[in-house]
Amino acid sequence: MFGTLAVVLGVVPLLLAGALTFAAVKNHRIQVSNDAFAAVAWHNLRSDEVFPDFLQDTSLARQQPPGWSRQGMAKASDCSQALAEELAKAAVAQGCTTALQATYVDIGGEMAATVALCVVGSYQQAGAVVAQFDVASAPGPMVYPVAVPGTAAAGWNKKLAYAGGTHAVGLSTNSPPYFVAITVGPLDARRQYGRLPGDWAISGRGERKVYQGVADDLLGAYARAFDMTVSGR
């Protein structure tokens, strides 16, 4: 599903992310009024504002998960290079021009996630993509995993990508032309998740379902964090 494009994705290590990420698309700022800021936020915000150092879903009523730490960010790329094949086709048909990506690892060091903020033609077109590929439809991995050398996500790859989905960004009041996509999976490559021997086989089948729930929670956490950043401008 992921093809060979994931191998050639340009990756920016954690220590260089702040200096180099998005250099090609952020060499000048687009001047707009506050009302129009949402549409160009991906271009005008600093890279660490687009992808916070730390993500945690504070909206959850249950006990808070430990959160996720950003490991690194990839250079801006075409949607067809960043997204899984079927999602890429649908996104490009809706005007997708640019995908910004970052990889996170949970604080426990057990899971990785690559998040992509995708720029499409309009808020309505973003909604059309999300309606087809949201988590509820269990679409599986949606973004090519981005490994980050020298970090906990150095071994993050397509073989460990188990779950994913997409999520809307913003509200119709500010109409941002984005959707966010994600791929989540374990970092331990030594065992096959979801495949337990003998009497444990039934329990094993539930292991992968855990990652779909994680994908849903992290998508919501990222979307809300980005919305707050944009609305605060």
C-alpha atoms as a PDB file:
ATOM      1  CA  MET A   1       0.000   0.000   0.000  1.00  0.00           C
ATOM      2  CA  PHE A   2       2.773   2.332   0.902  1.00  0.00           C
ATOM      3  CA  GLY A   3       5.079   1.647  -2.089  1.00  0.00           C
ATOM      4  CA  THR A   4       8.659   2.820  -2.283  1.00  0.00           C
ATOM      5  CA  LEU A   5       7.956   6.523  -1.894  1.00  0.00           C
ATOM      6  CA  ALA A   6       8.239   6.293   1.887  1.00  0.00           C
ATOM      7  CA  VAL A   7      11.929   5.415   1.534  1.00  0.00           C
ATOM      8  CA  VAL A   8      12.808   8.652  -0.210  1.00  0.00           C
ATOM      9  CA  LEU A   9      10.904  11.069   1.997  1.00  0.00           C
ATOM     10  CA  GLY A  10      13.233  13.840   3.158  1.00  0.00           C
ATOM     11  CA  VAL A  11      13.461  13.704   6.937  1.00  0.00           C
ATOM     12  CA  VAL A  12      14.654  16.430   9.252  1.00  0.00           C
ATOM     13  CA  PRO A  13      16.154  15.142  12.539  1.00  0.00           C
ATOM     14  CA  LEU A  14      14.883  16.588  15.777  1.00  0.00           C
ATOM     15  CA  LEU A  15      17.831  18.868  16.433  1.00  0.00           C
ATOM     16  CA  LEU A  16      17.581  20.457  12.993  1.00  0.00           C
ATOM     17  CA  ALA A  17      13.801  20.560  12.656  1.00  0.00           C
ATOM     18  CA  GLY A  18      13.347  24.115  13.904  1.00  0.00           C
ATOM     19  CA  ALA A  19      15.930  25.517  11.523  1.00  0.00           C
ATOM     20  CA  LEU A  20      15.276  23.612   8.317  1.00  0.00           C
ATOM     21  CA  THR A  21      11.664  22.439   8.194  1.00  0.00           C
ATOM     22  CA  PHE A  22       9.435  24.106   5.618  1.00  0.00           C
ATOM     23  CA  ALA A  23      12.296  26.369   4.445  1.00  0.00           C
ATOM     24  CA  ALA A  24      11.168  26.130   0.866  1.00  0.00           C
ATOM     25  CA  VAL A  25       7.620  27.296   1.570  1.00  0.00           C
ATOM     26  CA  LYS A  26       8.177  29.702   4.430  1.00  0.00           C
ATOM     27  CA  ASN A  27      10.799  32.047   2.995  1.00  0.00           C
ATOM     28  CA  HIS A  28       8.302  34.888   3.213  1.00  0.00           C
ATOM     29  CA  ARG A  29       5.022  35.488   4.990  1.00  0.00           C
ATOM     30  CA  ILE A  30       1.717  36.063   3.248  1.00  0.00           C
ATOM     31  CA  GLN A  31       0.146  39.256   4.560  1.00  0.00           C
ATOM     32  CA  VAL A  32      -3.565  38.846   5.301  1.00  0.00           C
ATOM     33  CA  SER A  33      -6.211  40.184   7.632  1.00  0.00           C
ATOM     34  CA  ASN A  34      -7.029  38.289  10.833  1.00  0.00           C
ATOM     35  CA  ASP A  35     -10.260  36.988   9.280  1.00  0.00           C
ATOM     36  CA  ALA A  36      -8.349  35.379   6.411  1.00  0.00           C
ATOM     37  CA  PHE A  37      -5.474  34.010   8.467  1.00  0.00           C
ATOM     38  CA  ALA A  38      -6.815  30.451   8.715  1.00  0.00           C
ATOM     39  CA  ALA A  39      -6.460  29.875   4.978  1.00  0.00           C
ATOM     40  CA  VAL A  40      -2.723  30.610   4.998  1.00  0.00           C
ATOM     41  CA  ALA A  41      -1.880  29.491   8.528  1.00  0.00           C
ATOM     42  CA  TRP A  42       0.060  26.489   7.213  1.00  0.00           C
ATOM     43  CA  HIS A  43       2.367  28.916   5.417  1.00  0.00           C
ATOM     44  CA  ASN A  44       2.621  31.713   7.975  1.00  0.00           C
ATOM     45  CA  LEU A  45       2.931  29.797  11.239  1.00  0.00           C
ATOM     46  CA  ARG A  46       6.300  28.639  12.508  1.00  0.00           C
ATOM     47  CA  SER A  47       6.939  24.937  12.045  1.00  0.00           C
ATOM     48  CA  ASP A  48       6.718  24.323  15.803  1.00  0.00           C
ATOM     49  CA  GLU A  49       3.338  26.054  15.832  1.00  0.00           C
ATOM     50  CA  VAL A  50       2.033  23.793  13.075  1.00  0.00           C
ATOM     51  CA  PHE A  51       3.383  20.757  14.939  1.00  0.00           C
ATOM     52  CA  PRO A  52       3.690  21.360  18.708  1.00  0.00           C
ATOM     53  CA  ASP A  53       6.572  19.840  20.655  1.00  0.00           C
ATOM     54  CA  PHE A  54       4.065  17.890  22.752  1.00  0.00           C
ATOM     55  CA  LEU A  55       0.543  16.617  22.085  1.00  0.00           C
ATOM     56  CA  GLN A  56      -1.989  15.544  24.689  1.00  0.00           C
ATOM     57  CA  ASP A  57      -5.752  15.334  24.370  1.00  0.00           C
ATOM     58  CA  THR A  58      -6.899  17.441  27.322  1.00  0.00           C
ATOM     59  CA  SER A  59     -10.536  17.179  26.182  1.00  0.00           C
ATOM     60  CA  LEU A  60     -10.863  13.572  27.319  1.00  0.00           C
ATOM     61  CA  ALA A  61     -13.041  13.070  30.385  1.00  0.00           C
ATOM     62  CA  ARG A  62     -11.342   9.813  31.310  1.00  0.00           C
ATOM     63  CA  GLN A  63      -7.824   9.527  32.702  1.00  0.00           C
ATOM     64  CA  GLN A  64      -5.394  11.444  30.548  1.00  0.00           C
ATOM     65  CA  PRO A  65      -3.023   9.463  28.311  1.00  0.00           C
ATOM     66  CA  PRO A  66       0.686  10.209  28.804  1.00  0.00           C
ATOM     67  CA  GLY A  67       0.973  12.312  25.657  1.00  0.00           C
ATOM     68  CA  TRP A  68       3.209  12.377  22.603  1.00  0.00           C
ATOM     69  CA  SER A  69       6.585  14.015  21.973  1.00  0.00           C
ATOM     70  CA  ARG A  70       7.562  15.297  18.534  1.00  0.00           C
ATOM     71  CA  GLN A  71      10.657  13.572  17.146  1.00  0.00           C
ATOM     72  CA  GLY A  72      11.088  15.424  13.886  1.00  0.00           C
ATOM     73  CA  MET A  73       9.443  16.966  10.832  1.00  0.00           C
ATOM     74  CA  ALA A  74       9.710  16.224   7.134  1.00  0.00           C
ATOM     75  CA  LYS A  75      10.096  18.780   4.385  1.00  0.00           C
ATOM     76  CA  ALA A  76       6.833  19.875   2.789  1.00  0.00           C
ATOM     77  CA  SER A  77       5.860  17.469   0.020  1.00  0.00           C
ATOM     78  CA  ASP A  78       3.218  16.724  -2.580  1.00  0.00           C
ATOM     79  CA  CYS A  79       0.131  14.965  -1.277  1.00  0.00           C
ATOM     80  CA  SER A  80       0.805  12.007  -3.564  1.00  0.00           C
ATOM     81  CA  GLN A  81       4.178  11.486  -1.879  1.00  0.00           C
ATOM     82  CA  ALA A  82       2.980  11.854   1.709  1.00  0.00           C
ATOM     83  CA  LEU A  83      -0.353  10.015   1.692  1.00  0.00           C
ATOM     84  CA  ALA A  84      -1.357   6.398   1.184  1.00  0.00           C
ATOM     85  CA  GLU A  85      -2.402   5.693  -2.377  1.00  0.00           C
ATOM     86  CA  GLU A  86      -6.211   5.746  -2.121  1.00  0.00           C
ATOM     87  CA  LEU A  87      -6.268   8.767   0.170  1.00  0.00           C
ATOM     88  CA  ALA A  88      -3.795  10.565  -2.091  1.00  0.00           C
ATOM     89  CA  LYS A  89      -6.063  10.063  -5.098  1.00  0.00           C
ATOM     90  CA  ALA A  90      -9.094  11.409  -3.275  1.00  0.00           C
ATOM     91  CA  ALA A  91      -7.157  14.323  -1.787  1.00  0.00           C
ATOM     92  CA  VAL A  92      -5.594  15.380  -5.095  1.00  0.00           C
ATOM     93  CA  ALA A  93      -9.053  15.271  -6.688  1.00  0.00           C
ATOM     94  CA  GLN A  94     -10.125  17.786  -4.022  1.00  0.00           C
ATOM     95  CA  GLY A  95      -7.231  20.135  -4.781  1.00  0.00           C
ATOM     96  CA  CYS A  96      -4.600  18.834  -2.360  1.00  0.00           C
ATOM     97  CA  THR A  97      -1.332  20.606  -3.105  1.00  0.00           C
ATOM     98  CA  THR A  98       0.843  20.306  -0.007  1.00  0.00           C
ATOM     99  CA  ALA A  99       1.291  17.956   2.939  1.00  0.00           C
ATOM    100  CA  LEU A 100       3.272  18.895   6.042  1.00  0.00           C
ATOM    101  CA  GLN A 101       4.370  15.947   8.186  1.00  0.00           C
ATOM    102  CA  ALA A 102       5.720  15.277  11.658  1.00  0.00           C
ATOM    103  CA  THR A 103       6.432  12.115  13.603  1.00  0.00           C
ATOM    104  CA  TYR A 104       5.567  11.712  17.289  1.00  0.00           C
ATOM    105  CA  VAL A 105       6.348   9.013  19.851  1.00  0.00           C
ATOM    106  CA  ASP A 106       4.286   8.408  22.981  1.00  0.00           C
ATOM    107  CA  ILE A 107       6.020   9.187  26.258  1.00  0.00           C
ATOM    108  CA  GLY A 108       6.245   5.497  27.085  1.00  0.00           C
ATOM    109  CA  GLY A 109       8.259   4.932  23.900  1.00  0.00           C
ATOM    110  CA  GLU A 110       5.981   2.143  22.711  1.00  0.00           C
ATOM    111  CA  MET A 111       4.126   3.768  19.785  1.00  0.00           C
ATOM    112  CA  ALA A 112       4.858   6.108  16.899  1.00  0.00           C
ATOM    113  CA  ALA A 113       2.586   8.248  14.755  1.00  0.00           C
ATOM    114  CA  THR A 114       3.123  10.305  11.633  1.00  0.00           C
ATOM    115  CA  VAL A 115       0.704  13.203  11.306  1.00  0.00           C
ATOM    116  CA  ALA A 116       0.094  15.089   8.049  1.00  0.00           C
ATOM    117  CA  LEU A 117      -1.599  18.472   7.705  1.00  0.00           C
ATOM    118  CA  CYS A 118      -2.961  18.522   4.156  1.00  0.00           C
ATOM    119  CA  VAL A 119      -3.792  21.696   2.220  1.00  0.00           C
ATOM    120  CA  VAL A 120      -6.723  21.279  -0.201  1.00  0.00           C
ATOM    121  CA  GLY A 121      -8.862  23.586  -2.301  1.00  0.00           C
ATOM    122  CA  SER A 122     -11.442  24.582   0.322  1.00  0.00           C
ATOM    123  CA  TYR A 123     -12.993  23.723   3.671  1.00  0.00           C
ATOM    124  CA  GLN A 124     -15.807  21.901   1.866  1.00  0.00           C
ATOM    125  CA  GLN A 125     -13.347  19.847  -0.172  1.00  0.00           C
ATOM    126  CA  ALA A 126     -11.488  18.889   2.985  1.00  0.00           C
ATOM    127  CA  GLY A 127     -14.787  17.693   4.439  1.00  0.00           C
ATOM    128  CA  ALA A 128     -15.407  15.520   1.397  1.00  0.00           C
ATOM    129  CA  VAL A 129     -12.094  13.730   1.942  1.00  0.00           C
ATOM    130  CA  VAL A 130     -12.710  13.221   5.659  1.00  0.00           C
ATOM    131  CA  ALA A 131     -16.181  11.812   5.009  1.00  0.00           C
ATOM    132  CA  GLN A 132     -14.575   9.036   2.967  1.00  0.00           C
ATOM    133  CA  PHE A 133     -11.557   8.271   5.138  1.00  0.00           C
ATOM    134  CA  ASP A 134     -12.474   9.062   8.742  1.00  0.00           C
ATOM    135  CA  VAL A 135     -11.530   6.726  11.575  1.00  0.00           C
ATOM    136  CA  ALA A 136     -15.061   5.332  11.839  1.00  0.00           C
ATOM    137  CA  SER A 137     -14.639   3.675   8.455  1.00  0.00           C
ATOM    138  CA  ALA A 138     -11.471   1.920   9.753  1.00  0.00           C
ATOM    139  CA  PRO A 139      -9.372   2.833   6.714  1.00  0.00           C
ATOM    140  CA  GLY A 140      -6.037   1.766   8.192  1.00  0.00           C
ATOM    141  CA  PRO A 141      -2.745   3.661   7.734  1.00  0.00           C
ATOM    142  CA  MET A 142      -3.248   6.935   5.878  1.00  0.00           C
ATOM    143  CA  VAL A 143       0.219   8.536   5.858  1.00  0.00           C
ATOM    144  CA  TYR A 144       3.584   7.119   4.849  1.00  0.00           C
ATOM    145  CA  PRO A 145       5.537   6.671   8.099  1.00  0.00           C
ATOM    146  CA  VAL A 146       8.405   9.146   8.467  1.00  0.00           C
ATOM    147  CA  ALA A 147      11.343   7.737  10.414  1.00  0.00           C
ATOM    148  CA  VAL A 148      13.581  10.209  12.255  1.00  0.00           C
ATOM    149  CA  PRO A 149      17.222   9.099  12.531  1.00  0.00           C
ATOM    150  CA  GLY A 150      18.817   9.449  15.928  1.00  0.00           C
ATOM    151  CA  THR A 151      15.496   9.427  17.809  1.00  0.00           C
ATOM    152  CA  ALA A 152      13.085   6.893  19.273  1.00  0.00           C
ATOM    153  CA  ALA A 153      11.354   6.885  15.856  1.00  0.00           C
ATOM    154  CA  ALA A 154      14.469   5.827  13.938  1.00  0.00           C
ATOM    155  CA  GLY A 155      12.951   2.410  13.186  1.00  0.00           C
ATOM    156  CA  TRP A 156       9.402   3.606  12.445  1.00  0.00           C
ATOM    157  CA  ASN A 157       8.342   2.088   9.107  1.00  0.00           C
ATOM    158  CA  LYS A 158       5.466   0.789   7.006  1.00  0.00           C
ATOM    159  CA  LYS A 159       5.640  -2.730   8.488  1.00  0.00           C
ATOM    160  CA  LEU A 160       4.680  -1.299  11.877  1.00  0.00           C
ATOM    161  CA  ALA A 161       1.891   0.934  10.540  1.00  0.00           C
ATOM    162  CA  TYR A 162      -1.365  -0.578  11.812  1.00  0.00           C
ATOM    163  CA  ALA A 163      -4.024   2.110  11.978  1.00  0.00           C
ATOM    164  CA  GLY A 164      -4.972   5.584  10.853  1.00  0.00           C
ATOM    165  CA  GLY A 165      -7.667   7.933   9.682  1.00  0.00           C
ATOM    166  CA  THR A 166      -8.451  11.539   8.851  1.00  0.00           C
ATOM    167  CA  HIS A 167     -10.028  14.396  10.754  1.00  0.00           C
ATOM    168  CA  ALA A 168     -11.551  17.772   9.918  1.00  0.00           C
ATOM    169  CA  VAL A 169      -9.742  20.946  10.967  1.00  0.00           C
ATOM    170  CA  GLY A 170     -11.424  24.171  12.037  1.00  0.00           C
ATOM    171  CA  LEU A 171     -15.008  25.366  11.689  1.00  0.00           C
ATOM    172  CA  SER A 172     -17.137  26.718   8.874  1.00  0.00           C
ATOM    173  CA  THR A 173     -16.792  30.157  10.484  1.00  0.00           C
ATOM    174  CA  ASN A 174     -13.114  30.379   9.549  1.00  0.00           C
ATOM    175  CA  SER A 175     -13.236  27.727   6.791  1.00  0.00           C
ATOM    176  CA  PRO A 176      -9.620  26.490   6.808  1.00  0.00           C
ATOM    177  CA  PRO A 177      -8.834  24.429   3.698  1.00  0.00           C
ATOM    178  CA  TYR A 178      -7.182  21.546   5.567  1.00  0.00           C
ATOM    179  CA  PHE A 179      -7.646  18.050   6.819  1.00  0.00           C
ATOM    180  CA  VAL A 180      -5.302  16.050   9.016  1.00  0.00           C
ATOM    181  CA  ALA A 181      -4.331  12.429   8.369  1.00  0.00           C
ATOM    182  CA  ILE A 182      -2.455   9.985  10.591  1.00  0.00           C
ATOM    183  CA  THR A 183      -0.747   6.608  10.761  1.00  0.00           C
ATOM    184  CA  VAL A 184      -0.113   4.903  14.117  1.00  0.00           C
ATOM    185  CA  GLY A 185       1.679   1.731  15.143  1.00  0.00           C
ATOM    186  CA  PRO A 186       4.035   0.078  17.638  1.00  0.00           C
ATOM    187  CA  LEU A 187       7.794   0.587  17.706  1.00  0.00           C
ATOM    188  CA  ASP A 188       8.712  -2.945  18.723  1.00  0.00           C
ATOM    189  CA  ALA A 189       9.589  -4.771  15.514  1.00  0.00           C
ATOM    190  CA  ARG A 190      10.481  -7.991  17.310  1.00  0.00           C
ATOM    191  CA  ARG A 191       6.972  -9.367  17.457  1.00  0.00           C
ATOM    192  CA  GLN A 192       3.857  -9.558  15.293  1.00  0.00           C
ATOM    193  CA  TYR A 193       1.099  -7.572  16.973  1.00  0.00           C
ATOM    194  CA  GLY A 194      -2.284  -9.228  16.744  1.00  0.00           C
ATOM    195  CA  ARG A 195      -0.754 -12.699  16.376  1.00  0.00           C
ATOM    196  CA  LEU A 196      -0.492 -14.517  19.685  1.00  0.00           C
ATOM    197  CA  PRO A 197      -0.019 -18.291  19.970  1.00  0.00           C
ATOM    198  CA  GLY A 198      -2.455 -20.931  21.168  1.00  0.00           C
ATOM    199  CA  ASP A 199      -5.035 -19.914  23.736  1.00  0.00           C
ATOM    200  CA  TRP A 200      -4.010 -16.250  23.468  1.00  0.00           C
ATOM    201  CA  ALA A 201      -5.023 -15.976  19.799  1.00  0.00           C
ATOM    202  CA  ILE A 202      -8.412 -14.383  20.583  1.00  0.00           C
ATOM    203  CA  SER A 203      -6.796 -11.691  22.715  1.00  0.00           C
ATOM    204  CA  GLY A 204      -4.245 -11.105  20.000  1.00  0.00           C
ATOM    205  CA  ARG A 205      -6.898 -10.044  17.516  1.00  0.00           C
ATOM    206  CA  GLY A 206      -7.786  -7.121  19.754  1.00  0.00           C
ATOM    207  CA  GLU A 207      -4.255  -5.733  19.806  1.00  0.00           C
ATOM    208  CA  ARG A 208      -4.521  -3.929  16.502  1.00  0.00           C
ATOM    209  CA  LYS A 209      -7.875  -2.423  17.465  1.00  0.00           C
ATOM    210  CA  VAL A 210      -6.073  -0.552  20.216  1.00  0.00           C
ATOM    211  CA  TYR A 211      -4.113   1.378  17.613  1.00  0.00           C
ATOM    212  CA  GLN A 212      -7.264   2.486  15.814  1.00  0.00           C
ATOM    213  CA  GLY A 213      -8.492   4.028  19.052  1.00  0.00           C
ATOM    214  CA  VAL A 214      -5.125   5.686  19.569  1.00  0.00           C
ATOM    215  CA  ALA A 215      -5.278   7.101  16.041  1.00  0.00           C
ATOM    216  CA  ASP A 216      -8.705   8.588  16.761  1.00  0.00           C
ATOM    217  CA  ASP A 217      -7.584  10.207  20.031  1.00  0.00           C
ATOM    218  CA  LEU A 218      -4.396  11.635  18.556  1.00  0.00           C
ATOM    219  CA  LEU A 219      -6.187  13.004  15.504  1.00  0.00           C
ATOM    220  CA  GLY A 220      -8.560  14.870  17.784  1.00  0.00           C
ATOM    221  CA  ALA A 221      -5.725  16.139  19.961  1.00  0.00           C
ATOM    222  CA  TYR A 222      -3.816  17.481  16.984  1.00  0.00           C
ATOM    223  CA  ALA A 223      -6.851  19.052  15.298  1.00  0.00           C
ATOM    224  CA  ARG A 224      -7.833  20.879  18.488  1.00  0.00           C
ATOM    225  CA  ALA A 225      -4.280  22.077  19.114  1.00  0.00           C
ATOM    226  CA  PHE A 226      -3.993  23.434  15.572  1.00  0.00           C
ATOM    227  CA  ASP A 227      -7.446  25.072  15.775  1.00  0.00           C
ATOM    228  CA  MET A 228      -6.457  26.851  18.982  1.00  0.00           C
ATOM    229  CA  THR A 229      -3.246  28.131  17.412  1.00  0.00           C
ATOM    230  CA  VAL A 230      -5.052  29.453  14.348  1.00  0.00           C
ATOM    231  CA  SER A 231      -7.951  30.992  16.269  1.00  0.00           C
ATOM    232  CA  GLY A 232      -5.516  32.775  18.556  1.00  0.00           C
ATOM    233  CA  ARG A 233      -4.107  34.776  15.653  1.00  0.00           C
END
